[in-house]
């Protein structure tokens, strides 16, 4: 029994790493295409039909490009810094149910690496460790632009982690559990939490944009500038690892939003007879929700301008955090009434 559990866990870990590493690369293609369509451009068109192989060409370029380590950098820290965000995001995925359980040849498969009773807290906490990538990368570069980028990255990420935690607290008060499976089961019986917690949903989504470094809150990198922020001096696959971490974090936030506020895989799966069919329907609905939120990330980038750092901090501490606290108080009063 222990051997089969170990093998199953290793397979799950491998599947999570391979799937979301691949999706991160494919996501860059879809982002280019979506932005090109919204801005009346063609986007990738040369490599493969409709440029479909562009992400493969980018992967080859990153793997073969020269890995430059500046002479005035802290070499070991500079080389290891990109690992933090990749490891953090993939470890956070271990507590996320990416598909409902199903049975194959009498064996029940649980598409979650480890089901812990603090799954949401674990995912958010581990994802926050990714903050060490911009911090260490910027400080180890020995470049003043990188150090400035690292400083504003840490300020942004730390600030919005507060909003993320406070916004998730009100829905958790209703559910009474931090397990993502329990949250899904609760919504199967009581309906989506977005209807009873619309403010928490909006706050969680806004904080998700900031924590994944997406427009209009991409101050950790700020693509409109000539420099690249904390990763100005990175090249090759070390830079690619940062991008893999960023796009994987987008998928992680999309999963968390879909599970916590939109019922996860519970829709229709409880109404269809047969465990296999129910799992298929539930998994399909979860994938569609995640796909929509990933598209929403891209849509927002095409539609919204950047904000200044002072505007971002004003929004976080004077608008979003007070709203989150008020929402918690109102939720508590309603529950006690």
Protein backbone atom coordinates (compact mmCIF):
# COMPACT_ATOMS: atom_id res chain seq x y z
CA UNK A 1 0.00 0.00 0.00
CA UNK A 2 2.79 2.41 0.90
CA UNK A 3 4.63 1.57 -2.32
CA UNK A 4 1.57 2.22 -4.49
CA UNK A 5 0.94 5.51 -2.68
CA UNK A 6 4.55 6.57 -3.23
CA UNK A 7 4.39 5.70 -6.94
CA UNK A 8 1.07 7.53 -7.32
CA UNK A 9 2.47 10.61 -5.59
CA UNK A 10 5.59 10.65 -7.76
CA UNK A 11 3.45 10.36 -10.89
CA UNK A 12 1.25 13.24 -9.71
CA UNK A 13 4.28 15.42 -9.03
CA UNK A 14 5.74 14.63 -12.44
CA UNK A 15 2.43 15.34 -14.18
CA UNK A 16 2.02 18.69 -12.40
CA UNK A 17 5.56 19.79 -13.26
CA UNK A 18 5.36 18.72 -16.90
CA UNK A 19 1.85 20.04 -17.56
CA UNK A 20 2.32 23.48 -16.06
CA UNK A 21 5.84 23.90 -17.42
CA UNK A 22 4.43 23.19 -20.87
CA UNK A 23 1.39 25.40 -20.33
CA UNK A 24 3.69 28.25 -19.32
CA UNK A 25 5.38 28.08 -22.70
CA UNK A 26 2.13 27.67 -24.62
CA UNK A 27 0.66 30.53 -22.58
CA UNK A 28 3.20 32.93 -24.08
CA UNK A 29 1.90 32.03 -27.55
CA UNK A 30 -1.72 32.63 -26.58
CA UNK A 31 -0.78 35.90 -24.90
CA UNK A 32 0.89 37.15 -28.06
CA UNK A 33 -2.07 36.10 -30.17
CA UNK A 34 -4.68 37.61 -27.85
CA UNK A 35 -2.79 40.90 -27.56
CA UNK A 36 -2.26 41.00 -31.33
CA UNK A 37 -5.97 40.39 -31.98
CA UNK A 38 -7.05 43.12 -29.55
CA UNK A 39 -4.48 45.57 -30.94
CA UNK A 40 -5.21 44.66 -34.59
CA UNK A 41 -1.88 42.97 -35.25
CA UNK A 42 -0.95 39.52 -36.56
CA UNK A 43 1.26 38.25 -33.75
CA UNK A 44 3.41 35.13 -34.35
CA UNK A 45 2.92 33.97 -37.95
CA UNK A 46 6.22 32.60 -39.26
CA UNK A 47 7.18 29.54 -37.17
CA UNK A 48 4.66 26.83 -37.98
CA UNK A 49 1.02 27.29 -39.09
CA UNK A 50 -0.26 30.55 -37.57
CA UNK A 51 2.98 30.68 -35.57
CA UNK A 52 1.87 27.74 -33.40
CA UNK A 53 5.47 26.54 -32.97
CA UNK A 54 6.72 29.92 -31.76
CA UNK A 55 6.78 28.76 -28.13
CA UNK A 56 8.94 25.79 -29.16
CA UNK A 57 11.36 28.14 -30.95
CA UNK A 58 11.48 30.31 -27.83
CA UNK A 59 12.25 27.26 -25.69
CA UNK A 60 15.13 26.25 -27.98
CA UNK A 61 16.47 29.81 -27.87
CA UNK A 62 16.37 29.95 -24.07
CA UNK A 63 18.06 26.56 -23.65
CA UNK A 64 20.87 27.39 -26.09
CA UNK A 65 21.40 31.07 -25.30
CA UNK A 66 24.57 32.04 -23.46
CA UNK A 67 24.14 32.10 -19.68
CA UNK A 68 25.79 35.34 -18.60
CA UNK A 69 26.82 35.92 -14.97
CA UNK A 70 28.05 39.51 -14.43
CA UNK A 71 31.50 39.86 -12.89
CA UNK A 72 30.30 42.20 -10.13
CA UNK A 73 27.43 39.95 -9.04
CA UNK A 74 27.21 37.59 -6.06
CA UNK A 75 27.67 34.54 -8.26
CA UNK A 76 26.04 31.75 -6.23
CA UNK A 77 23.01 33.81 -5.18
CA UNK A 78 22.65 35.20 -8.71
CA UNK A 79 22.57 31.68 -10.18
CA UNK A 80 20.18 30.16 -7.61
CA UNK A 81 17.69 33.05 -7.30
CA UNK A 82 15.44 32.00 -10.24
CA UNK A 83 14.79 28.63 -8.56
CA UNK A 84 12.75 30.18 -5.74
CA UNK A 85 9.71 31.19 -7.76
CA UNK A 86 9.59 27.96 -9.79
CA UNK A 87 9.87 25.74 -6.73
CA UNK A 88 7.37 27.84 -4.77
CA UNK A 89 4.66 27.70 -7.44
CA UNK A 90 5.01 23.98 -8.12
CA UNK A 91 5.01 23.15 -4.40
CA UNK A 92 1.89 25.30 -3.97
CA UNK A 93 0.17 23.22 -6.66
CA UNK A 94 0.54 20.11 -4.48
CA UNK A 95 -2.41 21.24 -2.32
CA UNK A 96 -4.64 22.21 -5.26
CA UNK A 97 -7.19 19.67 -6.63
CA UNK A 98 -6.68 20.12 -10.37
CA UNK A 99 -9.34 17.52 -11.26
CA UNK A 100 -12.09 15.60 -9.41
CA UNK A 101 -11.29 12.08 -8.25
CA UNK A 102 -12.07 9.20 -10.61
CA UNK A 103 -11.77 5.42 -10.69
CA UNK A 104 -9.70 3.43 -13.19
CA UNK A 105 -9.86 -0.38 -13.15
CA UNK A 106 -11.15 -0.30 -9.60
CA UNK A 107 -8.39 2.05 -8.39
CA UNK A 108 -9.48 5.49 -7.15
CA UNK A 109 -7.23 8.32 -8.29
CA UNK A 110 -7.22 11.60 -6.34
CA UNK A 111 -5.78 14.31 -8.64
CA UNK A 112 -4.25 16.21 -5.76
CA UNK A 113 -0.74 15.49 -4.54
CA UNK A 114 -1.60 15.93 -0.87
CA UNK A 115 -4.97 16.78 0.68
CA UNK A 116 -4.29 18.85 3.79
CA UNK A 117 -6.86 20.64 5.90
CA UNK A 118 -5.11 23.98 5.39
CA UNK A 119 -4.79 23.71 1.62
CA UNK A 120 -5.63 27.33 0.79
CA UNK A 121 -3.33 28.71 3.48
CA UNK A 122 -0.56 26.36 2.33
CA UNK A 123 -0.92 27.39 -1.33
CA UNK A 124 -0.91 31.12 -0.54
CA UNK A 125 1.94 30.80 1.96
CA UNK A 126 4.20 28.78 -0.30
CA UNK A 127 3.44 30.98 -3.30
CA UNK A 128 4.60 33.96 -1.24
CA UNK A 129 8.05 32.36 -0.99
CA UNK A 130 8.44 33.23 -4.67
CA UNK A 131 9.08 36.77 -3.47
CA UNK A 132 12.68 35.73 -2.81
CA UNK A 133 13.36 35.46 -6.55
CA UNK A 134 13.09 39.22 -7.29
CA UNK A 135 14.65 40.06 -3.93
CA UNK A 136 17.72 37.86 -4.30
CA UNK A 137 18.05 38.36 -8.06
CA UNK A 138 18.02 42.14 -7.75
CA UNK A 139 20.37 42.32 -4.79
CA UNK A 140 22.83 39.78 -6.22
CA UNK A 141 23.08 41.51 -9.59
CA UNK A 142 25.15 44.39 -8.30
CA UNK A 143 23.27 46.70 -10.64
CA UNK A 144 21.46 49.75 -9.28
CA UNK A 145 18.49 49.30 -11.64
CA UNK A 146 18.10 45.69 -10.53
CA UNK A 147 18.30 46.68 -6.85
CA UNK A 148 15.61 49.32 -7.36
CA UNK A 149 13.46 46.79 -9.18
CA UNK A 150 13.93 44.28 -6.36
CA UNK A 151 12.96 46.88 -3.75
CA UNK A 152 9.68 47.82 -5.38
CA UNK A 153 8.98 44.16 -6.13
CA UNK A 154 9.20 43.19 -2.47
CA UNK A 155 7.12 46.19 -1.38
CA UNK A 156 4.40 45.30 -3.88
CA UNK A 157 4.32 41.58 -3.11
CA UNK A 158 4.36 42.00 0.66
CA UNK A 159 1.61 44.61 0.54
CA UNK A 160 -0.78 42.60 -1.59
CA UNK A 161 -0.22 39.39 0.36
CA UNK A 162 -2.06 41.16 3.18
CA UNK A 163 -5.00 41.85 0.86
CA UNK A 164 -4.97 38.27 -0.41
CA UNK A 165 -5.13 36.81 3.08
CA UNK A 166 -7.81 39.19 4.33
CA UNK A 167 -9.99 38.75 1.24
CA UNK A 168 -9.87 34.95 1.57
CA UNK A 169 -10.76 35.07 5.28
CA UNK A 170 -14.45 35.97 4.81
CA UNK A 171 -15.26 32.98 2.52
CA UNK A 172 -13.36 30.69 4.89
CA UNK A 173 -15.56 31.91 7.76
CA UNK A 174 -18.60 30.65 5.86
CA UNK A 175 -17.07 27.30 4.91
CA UNK A 176 -15.40 26.60 8.23
CA UNK A 177 -12.42 24.88 6.61
CA UNK A 178 -9.28 25.84 4.67
CA UNK A 179 -9.23 22.60 2.67
CA UNK A 180 -9.81 23.33 -1.02
CA UNK A 181 -11.79 20.09 -1.31
CA UNK A 182 -14.05 21.10 1.60
CA UNK A 183 -14.53 24.51 -0.02
CA UNK A 184 -15.59 22.79 -3.25
CA UNK A 185 -17.98 20.45 -1.42
CA UNK A 186 -19.53 23.39 0.44
CA UNK A 187 -20.32 25.17 -2.82
CA UNK A 188 -21.84 22.00 -4.29
CA UNK A 189 -24.50 22.22 -1.57
CA UNK A 190 -24.80 25.99 -1.01
CA UNK A 191 -23.93 27.56 -4.37
CA UNK A 192 -20.92 29.56 -5.51
CA UNK A 193 -19.29 31.77 -2.91
CA UNK A 194 -19.00 34.60 -5.42
CA UNK A 195 -22.71 35.35 -4.88
CA UNK A 196 -22.37 35.66 -1.12
CA UNK A 197 -18.84 37.15 -1.18
CA UNK A 198 -18.60 39.40 -4.27
CA UNK A 199 -16.34 41.92 -2.52
CA UNK A 200 -13.93 39.17 -1.44
CA UNK A 201 -13.86 37.86 -5.01
CA UNK A 202 -12.95 41.26 -6.48
CA UNK A 203 -10.28 41.87 -3.83
CA UNK A 204 -8.78 38.40 -4.27
CA UNK A 205 -8.67 38.86 -8.03
CA UNK A 206 -7.00 42.29 -7.83
CA UNK A 207 -4.42 40.95 -5.39
CA UNK A 208 -3.83 38.03 -7.77
CA UNK A 209 -2.85 40.46 -10.52
CA UNK A 210 -0.36 42.16 -8.21
CA UNK A 211 1.16 38.93 -6.87
CA UNK A 212 1.66 37.50 -10.36
CA UNK A 213 3.24 40.69 -11.71
CA UNK A 214 0.54 41.31 -14.31
CA UNK A 215 -0.67 44.56 -15.87
CA UNK A 216 -1.71 47.01 -14.53
CA UNK A 217 0.32 46.01 -11.45
CA UNK A 218 3.51 44.81 -13.15
CA UNK A 219 5.79 47.20 -11.31
CA UNK A 220 8.19 44.38 -10.43
CA UNK A 221 9.20 44.31 -14.07
CA UNK A 222 7.37 47.14 -15.86
CA UNK A 223 7.64 46.12 -19.51
CA UNK A 224 7.26 49.71 -20.72
CA UNK A 225 10.71 50.57 -19.41
CA UNK A 226 13.99 49.94 -21.22
CA UNK A 227 15.32 47.91 -18.29
CA UNK A 228 13.75 44.70 -16.97
CA UNK A 229 13.70 45.49 -13.27
CA UNK A 230 15.18 42.85 -11.00
CA UNK A 231 16.08 40.53 -13.91
CA UNK A 232 17.85 43.13 -16.06
CA UNK A 233 21.11 41.15 -16.12
CA UNK A 234 19.60 37.69 -16.58
CA UNK A 235 19.66 35.76 -19.83
CA UNK A 236 19.06 32.28 -21.17
CA UNK A 237 17.24 29.67 -19.16
CA UNK A 238 17.65 31.50 -15.84
CA UNK A 239 15.48 34.26 -17.28
CA UNK A 240 13.23 31.56 -18.74
CA UNK A 241 12.73 30.02 -15.29
CA UNK A 242 11.43 33.34 -14.02
CA UNK A 243 8.92 33.43 -16.86
CA UNK A 244 7.88 29.84 -16.20
CA UNK A 245 7.29 30.77 -12.57
CA UNK A 246 5.26 33.84 -13.51
CA UNK A 247 2.97 32.03 -15.97
CA UNK A 248 2.59 29.04 -13.64
CA UNK A 249 1.58 31.49 -10.89
CA UNK A 250 -1.11 32.82 -13.22
CA UNK A 251 -2.52 29.31 -13.58
CA UNK A 252 -2.29 28.81 -9.81
CA UNK A 253 -4.27 31.99 -9.12
CA UNK A 254 -6.80 30.97 -11.78
CA UNK A 255 -7.26 27.59 -10.06
CA UNK A 256 -7.62 29.18 -6.61
CA UNK A 257 -10.19 31.73 -7.81
CA UNK A 258 -12.14 29.03 -9.65
CA UNK A 259 -12.15 26.70 -6.64
CA UNK A 260 -12.72 29.21 -3.84
CA UNK A 261 -15.35 31.41 -5.50
CA UNK A 262 -16.75 29.56 -8.52
CA UNK A 263 -17.38 26.06 -7.19
CA UNK A 264 -14.32 24.35 -8.64
CA UNK A 265 -15.29 21.05 -10.25
CA UNK A 266 -18.61 20.70 -8.38
CA UNK A 267 -20.84 21.99 -11.21
CA UNK A 268 -23.02 19.33 -12.84
CA UNK A 269 -20.68 16.61 -11.59
CA UNK A 270 -23.10 15.87 -8.74
CA UNK A 271 -26.05 15.73 -11.13
CA UNK A 272 -24.65 13.19 -13.59
CA UNK A 273 -24.89 9.49 -12.90
CA UNK A 274 -21.68 7.46 -13.04
CA UNK A 275 -18.45 8.38 -11.31
CA UNK A 276 -16.39 8.54 -14.50
CA UNK A 277 -18.88 10.79 -16.31
CA UNK A 278 -19.27 12.97 -13.23
CA UNK A 279 -15.51 13.44 -12.94
CA UNK A 280 -15.24 14.26 -16.64
CA UNK A 281 -17.94 16.93 -16.41
CA UNK A 282 -16.50 18.39 -13.23
CA UNK A 283 -12.99 18.46 -14.66
CA UNK A 284 -14.21 20.08 -17.88
CA UNK A 285 -15.98 22.85 -15.99
CA UNK A 286 -12.92 23.53 -13.84
CA UNK A 287 -10.68 23.70 -16.94
CA UNK A 288 -13.10 26.13 -18.61
CA UNK A 289 -13.10 28.40 -15.54
CA UNK A 290 -9.31 28.35 -15.30
CA UNK A 291 -9.05 29.09 -19.03
CA UNK A 292 -11.38 32.06 -18.69
CA UNK A 293 -9.36 33.59 -15.86
CA UNK A 294 -6.10 33.04 -17.75
CA UNK A 295 -7.69 34.84 -20.70
CA UNK A 296 -8.84 37.56 -18.30
CA UNK A 297 -5.19 38.15 -17.32
CA UNK A 298 -4.36 38.67 -21.00
CA UNK A 299 -7.43 40.78 -21.68
CA UNK A 300 -6.59 43.11 -18.82
CA UNK A 301 -3.04 43.58 -20.10
CA UNK A 302 -4.42 44.69 -23.48
CA UNK A 303 -7.02 47.02 -21.99
CA UNK A 304 -5.48 48.73 -18.95
CA UNK A 305 -2.48 51.09 -18.59
CA UNK A 306 0.19 50.80 -15.91
CA UNK A 307 -0.17 52.54 -12.58
CA UNK A 308 2.50 54.46 -10.70
CA UNK A 309 4.07 52.89 -7.60
CA UNK A 310 2.51 55.51 -5.31
CA UNK A 311 -0.92 54.84 -6.86
CA UNK A 312 -0.49 51.13 -6.29
CA UNK A 313 0.39 51.55 -2.62
CA UNK A 314 -2.48 54.00 -2.15
CA UNK A 315 -4.88 51.48 -3.68
CA UNK A 316 -3.57 48.65 -1.52
CA UNK A 317 -3.43 50.27 1.92
CA UNK A 318 -6.16 52.92 1.71
CA UNK A 319 -8.79 51.15 -0.42
CA UNK A 320 -8.39 47.39 -0.71
CA UNK A 321 -7.26 46.53 2.82
CA UNK A 322 -9.99 48.60 4.57
CA UNK A 323 -12.58 47.03 2.25
CA UNK A 324 -11.32 43.56 3.14
CA UNK A 325 -11.52 44.29 6.88
CA UNK A 326 -15.05 45.75 6.56
CA UNK A 327 -16.11 42.68 4.55
CA UNK A 328 -14.83 40.38 7.32
CA UNK A 329 -16.72 42.35 9.98
CA UNK A 330 -19.97 42.34 7.98
CA UNK A 331 -19.61 38.59 7.31
CA UNK A 332 -19.13 37.93 11.01
CA UNK A 333 -22.18 40.03 11.94
CA UNK A 334 -24.35 38.22 9.38
CA UNK A 335 -23.19 34.82 10.62
CA UNK A 336 -24.00 35.73 14.23
CA UNK A 337 -27.43 37.16 13.37
